[in-house]
PDB file of N, CA and C in Angstrom:
ATOM      1  N   UNK A   1       8.864  37.662  25.398  1.00  0.00           N
ATOM      2  CA  UNK A   1       7.883  36.775  24.823  1.00  0.00           C
ATOM      3  C   UNK A   1       7.060  36.175  25.975  1.00  0.00           C
ATOM      4  N   UNK A   2       5.787  36.177  25.837  1.00  0.00           N
ATOM      5  CA  UNK A   2       4.919  35.665  26.896  1.00  0.00           C
ATOM      6  C   UNK A   2       4.900  34.142  26.884  1.00  0.00           C
ATOM      7  N   UNK A   3       4.509  33.583  28.007  1.00  0.00           N
ATOM      8  CA  UNK A   3       4.467  32.118  28.123  1.00  0.00           C
ATOM      9  C   UNK A   3       3.467  31.496  27.160  1.00  0.00           C
ATOM     10  N   UNK A   4       2.323  32.124  26.995  1.00  0.00           N
ATOM     11  CA  UNK A   4       1.315  31.555  26.096  1.00  0.00           C
ATOM     12  C   UNK A   4       1.798  31.583  24.648  1.00  0.00           C
ATOM     13  N   UNK A   5       2.508  32.620  24.295  1.00  0.00           N
ATOM     14  CA  UNK A   5       3.035  32.702  22.927  1.00  0.00           C
ATOM     15  C   UNK A   5       4.111  31.644  22.715  1.00  0.00           C
ATOM     16  N   UNK A   6       4.965  31.467  23.718  1.00  0.00           N
ATOM     17  CA  UNK A   6       6.012  30.448  23.632  1.00  0.00           C
ATOM     18  C   UNK A   6       5.398  29.055  23.542  1.00  0.00           C
ATOM     19  N   UNK A   7       4.355  28.794  24.308  1.00  0.00           N
ATOM     20  CA  UNK A   7       3.669  27.506  24.246  1.00  0.00           C
ATOM     21  C   UNK A   7       3.030  27.276  22.875  1.00  0.00           C
ATOM     22  N   UNK A   8       2.484  28.313  22.283  1.00  0.00           N
ATOM     23  CA  UNK A   8       1.885  28.199  20.950  1.00  0.00           C
ATOM     24  C   UNK A   8       2.953  27.857  19.920  1.00  0.00           C
ATOM     25  N   UNK A   9       4.100  28.497  20.025  1.00  0.00           N
ATOM     26  CA  UNK A   9       5.200  28.219  19.087  1.00  0.00           C
ATOM     27  C   UNK A   9       5.697  26.781  19.280  1.00  0.00           C
ATOM     28  N   UNK A  10       5.851  26.346  20.520  1.00  0.00           N
ATOM     29  CA  UNK A  10       6.295  24.977  20.787  1.00  0.00           C
ATOM     30  C   UNK A  10       5.272  23.961  20.272  1.00  0.00           C
ATOM     31  N   UNK A  11       4.014  24.269  20.425  1.00  0.00           N
ATOM     32  CA  UNK A  11       2.971  23.383  19.936  1.00  0.00           C
ATOM     33  C   UNK A  11       3.033  23.269  18.414  1.00  0.00           C
ATOM     34  N   UNK A  12       3.189  24.392  17.738  1.00  0.00           N
ATOM     35  CA  UNK A  12       3.291  24.366  16.274  1.00  0.00           C
ATOM     36  C   UNK A  12       4.531  23.596  15.830  1.00  0.00           C
ATOM     37  N   UNK A  13       5.635  23.790  16.528  1.00  0.00           N
ATOM     38  CA  UNK A  13       6.865  23.086  16.186  1.00  0.00           C
ATOM     39  C   UNK A  13       6.695  21.578  16.372  1.00  0.00           C
ATOM     40  N   UNK A  14       6.061  21.168  17.448  1.00  0.00           N
ATOM     41  CA  UNK A  14       5.833  19.748  17.690  1.00  0.00           C
ATOM     42  C   UNK A  14       4.946  19.159  16.588  1.00  0.00           C
ATOM     43  N   UNK A  15       3.912  19.896  16.188  1.00  0.00           N
ATOM     44  CA  UNK A  15       3.036  19.432  15.112  1.00  0.00           C
ATOM     45  C   UNK A  15       3.805  19.311  13.805  1.00  0.00           C
ATOM     46  N   UNK A  16       4.667  20.280  13.519  1.00  0.00           N
ATOM     47  CA  UNK A  16       5.458  20.224  12.289  1.00  0.00           C
ATOM     48  C   UNK A  16       6.429  19.047  12.302  1.00  0.00           C
ATOM     49  N   UNK A  17       7.037  18.783  13.455  1.00  0.00           N
ATOM     50  CA  UNK A  17       7.943  17.640  13.552  1.00  0.00           C
ATOM     51  C   UNK A  17       7.194  16.328  13.324  1.00  0.00           C
ATOM     52  N   UNK A  18       6.020  16.197  13.913  1.00  0.00           N
ATOM     53  CA  UNK A  18       5.214  15.002  13.717  1.00  0.00           C
ATOM     54  C   UNK A  18       4.814  14.843  12.253  1.00  0.00           C
ATOM     55  N   UNK A  19       4.396  15.935  11.644  1.00  0.00           N
ATOM     56  CA  UNK A  19       4.005  15.906  10.236  1.00  0.00           C
ATOM     57  C   UNK A  19       5.184  15.520   9.350  1.00  0.00           C
ATOM     58  N   UNK A  20       6.352  16.047   9.652  1.00  0.00           N
ATOM     59  CA  UNK A  20       7.559  15.722   8.883  1.00  0.00           C
ATOM     60  C   UNK A  20       7.889  14.234   9.000  1.00  0.00           C
ATOM     61  N   UNK A  21       7.775  13.684  10.192  1.00  0.00           N
ATOM     62  CA  UNK A  21       8.035  12.252  10.379  1.00  0.00           C
ATOM     63  C   UNK A  21       7.016  11.397   9.617  1.00  0.00           C
ATOM     64  N   UNK A  22       5.764  11.796   9.665  1.00  0.00           N
ATOM     65  CA  UNK A  22       4.733  11.056   8.940  1.00  0.00           C
ATOM     66  C   UNK A  22       4.975  11.110   7.427  1.00  0.00           C
ATOM     67  N   UNK A  23       5.340  12.276   6.933  1.00  0.00           N
ATOM     68  CA  UNK A  23       5.633  12.404   5.501  1.00  0.00           C
ATOM     69  C   UNK A  23       6.845  11.575   5.108  1.00  0.00           C
ATOM     70  N   UNK A  24       7.844  11.562   5.968  1.00  0.00           N
ATOM     71  CA  UNK A  24       9.035  10.767   5.701  1.00  0.00           C
ATOM     72  C   UNK A  24       8.693   9.283   5.645  1.00  0.00           C
ATOM     73  N   UNK A  25       7.884   8.813   6.577  1.00  0.00           N
ATOM     74  CA  UNK A  25       7.469   7.409   6.576  1.00  0.00           C
ATOM     75  C   UNK A  25       6.667   7.078   5.320  1.00  0.00           C
ATOM     76  N   UNK A  26       5.772   7.969   4.943  1.00  0.00           N
ATOM     77  CA  UNK A  26       4.968   7.752   3.746  1.00  0.00           C
ATOM     78  C   UNK A  26       5.850   7.695   2.502  1.00  0.00           C
ATOM     79  N   UNK A  27       6.797   8.598   2.418  1.00  0.00           N
ATOM     80  CA  UNK A  27       7.716   8.616   1.279  1.00  0.00           C
ATOM     81  C   UNK A  27       8.536   7.334   1.224  1.00  0.00           C
ATOM     82  N   UNK A  28       8.978   6.861   2.372  1.00  0.00           N
ATOM     83  CA  UNK A  28       9.750   5.621   2.428  1.00  0.00           C
ATOM     84  C   UNK A  28       8.910   4.443   1.929  1.00  0.00           C
ATOM     85  N   UNK A  29       7.665   4.347   2.383  1.00  0.00           N
ATOM     86  CA  UNK A  29       6.779   3.268   1.937  1.00  0.00           C
ATOM     87  C   UNK A  29       6.518   3.347   0.431  1.00  0.00           C
ATOM     88  N   UNK A  30       6.314   4.554  -0.070  1.00  0.00           N
ATOM     89  CA  UNK A  30       6.084   4.719  -1.508  1.00  0.00           C
ATOM     90  C   UNK A  30       7.302   4.298  -2.309  1.00  0.00           C
ATOM     91  N   UNK A  31       8.493   4.635  -1.829  1.00  0.00           N
ATOM     92  CA  UNK A  31       9.707   4.255  -2.549  1.00  0.00           C
ATOM     93  C   UNK A  31       9.870   2.747  -2.565  1.00  0.00           C
ATOM     94  N   UNK A  32       9.562   2.081  -1.446  1.00  0.00           N
ATOM     95  CA  UNK A  32       9.616   0.617  -1.416  1.00  0.00           C
ATOM     96  C   UNK A  32       8.643   0.024  -2.424  1.00  0.00           C
ATOM     97  N   UNK A  33       7.452   0.604  -2.516  1.00  0.00           N
ATOM     98  CA  UNK A  33       6.459   0.104  -3.468  1.00  0.00           C
ATOM     99  C   UNK A  33       6.914   0.348  -4.908  1.00  0.00           C
ATOM    100  N   UNK A  34       7.497   1.503  -5.177  1.00  0.00           N
ATOM    101  CA  UNK A  34       8.013   1.804  -6.518  1.00  0.00           C
ATOM    102  C   UNK A  34       9.110   0.809  -6.892  1.00  0.00           C
ATOM    103  N   UNK A  35      10.019   0.550  -5.959  1.00  0.00           N
ATOM    104  CA  UNK A  35      11.095  -0.406  -6.223  1.00  0.00           C
ATOM    105  C   UNK A  35      10.530  -1.787  -6.541  1.00  0.00           C
ATOM    106  N   UNK A  36       9.518  -2.209  -5.784  1.00  0.00           N
ATOM    107  CA  UNK A  36       8.891  -3.511  -6.022  1.00  0.00           C
ATOM    108  C   UNK A  36       8.212  -3.540  -7.393  1.00  0.00           C
ATOM    109  N   UNK A  37       7.502  -2.479  -7.742  1.00  0.00           N
ATOM    110  CA  UNK A  37       6.818  -2.432  -9.039  1.00  0.00           C
ATOM    111  C   UNK A  37       7.814  -2.410 -10.198  1.00  0.00           C
ATOM    112  N   UNK A  38       8.934  -1.724 -10.016  1.00  0.00           N
ATOM    113  CA  UNK A  38       9.969  -1.724 -11.062  1.00  0.00           C
ATOM    114  C   UNK A  38      10.523  -3.130 -11.259  1.00  0.00           C
ATOM    115  N   UNK A  39      10.718  -3.854 -10.169  1.00  0.00           N
ATOM    116  CA  UNK A  39      11.198  -5.229 -10.271  1.00  0.00           C
ATOM    117  C   UNK A  39      10.186  -6.097 -11.011  1.00  0.00           C
ATOM    118  N   UNK A  40       8.916  -5.944 -10.672  1.00  0.00           N
ATOM    119  CA  UNK A  40       7.881  -6.713 -11.365  1.00  0.00           C
ATOM    120  C   UNK A  40       7.844  -6.379 -12.851  1.00  0.00           C
ATOM    121  N   UNK A  41       7.985  -5.118 -13.187  1.00  0.00           N
ATOM    122  CA  UNK A  41       7.992  -4.714 -14.604  1.00  0.00           C
ATOM    123  C   UNK A  41       9.162  -5.357 -15.341  1.00  0.00           C
ATOM    124  N   UNK A  42      10.334  -5.363 -14.727  1.00  0.00           N
ATOM    125  CA  UNK A  42      11.501  -5.972 -15.365  1.00  0.00           C
ATOM    126  C   UNK A  42      11.280  -7.476 -15.564  1.00  0.00           C
ATOM    127  N   UNK A  43      10.672  -8.120 -14.575  1.00  0.00           N
ATOM    128  CA  UNK A  43      10.384  -9.545 -14.717  1.00  0.00           C
ATOM    129  C   UNK A  43       9.388  -9.791 -15.844  1.00  0.00           C
ATOM    130  N   UNK A  44       8.365  -8.964 -15.929  1.00  0.00           N
ATOM    131  CA  UNK A  44       7.378  -9.120 -17.001  1.00  0.00           C
ATOM    132  C   UNK A  44       7.996  -8.865 -18.367  1.00  0.00           C
ATOM    133  N   UNK A  45       8.851  -7.869 -18.462  1.00  0.00           N
ATOM    134  CA  UNK A  45       9.535  -7.597 -19.727  1.00  0.00           C
ATOM    135  C   UNK A  45      10.357  -8.811 -20.143  1.00  0.00           C
ATOM    136  N   UNK A  46      11.043  -9.416 -19.178  1.00  0.00           N
ATOM    137  CA  UNK A  46      11.832 -10.607 -19.475  1.00  0.00           C
ATOM    138  C   UNK A  46      10.966 -11.755 -19.953  1.00  0.00           C
ATOM    139  N   UNK A  47       9.834 -11.952 -19.303  1.00  0.00           N
ATOM    140  CA  UNK A  47       8.942 -13.049 -19.702  1.00  0.00           C
ATOM    141  C   UNK A  47       8.357 -12.810 -21.089  1.00  0.00           C
ATOM    142  N   UNK A  48       7.970 -11.597 -21.381  1.00  0.00           N
ATOM    143  CA  UNK A  48       7.425 -11.280 -22.706  1.00  0.00           C
ATOM    144  C   UNK A  48       8.499 -11.473 -23.770  1.00  0.00           C
ATOM    145  N   UNK A  49       9.723 -11.059 -23.463  1.00  0.00           N
ATOM    146  CA  UNK A  49      10.817 -11.235 -24.419  1.00  0.00           C
ATOM    147  C   UNK A  49      11.080 -12.711 -24.675  1.00  0.00           C
ATOM    148  N   UNK A  50      11.044 -13.524 -23.607  1.00  0.00           N
ATOM    149  CA  UNK A  50      11.226 -14.968 -23.777  1.00  0.00           C
ATOM    150  C   UNK A  50      10.131 -15.558 -24.658  1.00  0.00           C
ATOM    151  N   UNK A  51       8.893 -15.125 -24.424  1.00  0.00           N
ATOM    152  CA  UNK A  51       7.786 -15.627 -25.237  1.00  0.00           C
ATOM    153  C   UNK A  51       7.948 -15.202 -26.693  1.00  0.00           C
ATOM    154  N   UNK A  52       8.363 -13.981 -26.925  1.00  0.00           N
ATOM    155  CA  UNK A  52       8.569 -13.503 -28.293  1.00  0.00           C
ATOM    156  C   UNK A  52       9.691 -14.288 -28.962  1.00  0.00           C
ATOM    157  N   UNK A  53      10.767 -14.534 -28.234  1.00  0.00           N
ATOM    158  CA  UNK A  53      11.875 -15.317 -28.792  1.00  0.00           C
ATOM    159  C   UNK A  53      11.429 -16.734 -29.132  1.00  0.00           C
ATOM    160  N   UNK A  54      10.608 -17.322 -28.262  1.00  0.00           N
ATOM    161  CA  UNK A  54      10.108 -18.671 -28.516  1.00  0.00           C
ATOM    162  C   UNK A  54       9.226 -18.698 -29.752  1.00  0.00           C
ATOM    163  N   UNK A  55       8.351 -17.725 -29.878  1.00  0.00           N
ATOM    164  CA  UNK A  55       7.472 -17.675 -31.049  1.00  0.00           C
ATOM    165  C   UNK A  55       8.257 -17.446 -32.334  1.00  0.00           C
ATOM    166  N   UNK A  56       9.283 -16.622 -32.271  1.00  0.00           N
ATOM    167  CA  UNK A  56      10.074 -16.327 -33.467  1.00  0.00           C
ATOM    168  C   UNK A  56      10.967 -17.489 -33.879  1.00  0.00           C
ATOM    169  N   UNK A  57      11.331 -18.355 -32.945  1.00  0.00           N
ATOM    170  CA  UNK A  57      12.246 -19.452 -33.278  1.00  0.00           C
ATOM    171  C   UNK A  57      11.524 -20.763 -33.554  1.00  0.00           C
ATOM    172  N   UNK A  58      10.222 -20.814 -33.400  1.00  0.00           N
ATOM    173  CA  UNK A  58       9.469 -22.054 -33.592  1.00  0.00           C
ATOM    174  C   UNK A  58       9.037 -22.171 -35.058  1.00  0.00           C
ATOM    175  N   UNK A  59       9.649 -23.076 -35.830  1.00  0.00           N
ATOM    176  CA  UNK A  59       9.301 -23.193 -37.257  1.00  0.00           C
ATOM    177  C   UNK A  59       7.909 -23.771 -37.491  1.00  0.00           C
ATOM    178  N   UNK A  60       7.338 -24.471 -36.535  1.00  0.00           N
ATOM    179  CA  UNK A  60       6.023 -25.092 -36.702  1.00  0.00           C
ATOM    180  C   UNK A  60       4.955 -24.022 -36.861  1.00  0.00           C
ATOM    181  N   UNK A  61       5.138 -22.889 -36.277  1.00  0.00           N
ATOM    182  CA  UNK A  61       4.146 -21.819 -36.341  1.00  0.00           C
ATOM    183  C   UNK A  61       3.984 -21.296 -37.774  1.00  0.00           C
ATOM    184  N   UNK A  62       5.061 -21.319 -38.546  1.00  0.00           N
ATOM    185  CA  UNK A  62       5.029 -20.804 -39.907  1.00  0.00           C
ATOM    186  C   UNK A  62       4.406 -21.771 -40.895  1.00  0.00           C
ATOM    187  N   UNK A  63       4.238 -23.014 -40.521  1.00  0.00           N
ATOM    188  CA  UNK A  63       3.667 -24.011 -41.420  1.00  0.00           C
ATOM    189  C   UNK A  63       2.163 -23.813 -41.552  1.00  0.00           C
ATOM    190  N   UNK A  64       1.668 -24.095 -42.751  1.00  0.00           N
ATOM    191  CA  UNK A  64       0.215 -24.045 -42.953  1.00  0.00           C
ATOM    192  C   UNK A  64      -0.404 -25.344 -42.475  1.00  0.00           C
ATOM    193  N   UNK A  65      -1.628 -25.303 -41.977  1.00  0.00           N
ATOM    194  CA  UNK A  65      -2.292 -26.542 -41.569  1.00  0.00           C
ATOM    195  C   UNK A  65      -2.461 -27.479 -42.767  1.00  0.00           C
ATOM    196  N   UNK A  66      -2.605 -28.758 -42.538  1.00  0.00           N
ATOM    197  CA  UNK A  66      -2.661 -29.733 -43.640  1.00  0.00           C
ATOM    198  C   UNK A  66      -3.856 -29.545 -44.573  1.00  0.00           C
ATOM    199  N   UNK A  67      -4.911 -28.945 -44.157  1.00  0.00           N
ATOM    200  CA  UNK A  67      -6.086 -28.810 -45.019  1.00  0.00           C
ATOM    201  C   UNK A  67      -5.967 -27.665 -46.032  1.00  0.00           C
ATOM    202  N   UNK A  68      -4.858 -26.938 -46.048  1.00  0.00           N
ATOM    203  CA  UNK A  68      -4.691 -25.858 -47.042  1.00  0.00           C
ATOM    204  C   UNK A  68      -3.954 -26.354 -48.255  1.00  0.00           C
TER     205      UNK A  68
END
């Protein structure tokens, strides 16, 4: 194998290693963002459920206004 060919292979390998590291970092950041968004969704679901429970248990809401 000639030196220039070996250098070309080493260069390609170095580029692939760098690309793999960049992809890994990107994937890690995306997973952190997904985890955060899932937490926010669960919190919102809880808040909506609390609001629904409050509306369903409040007897004043079912009353007609006095002018009816």
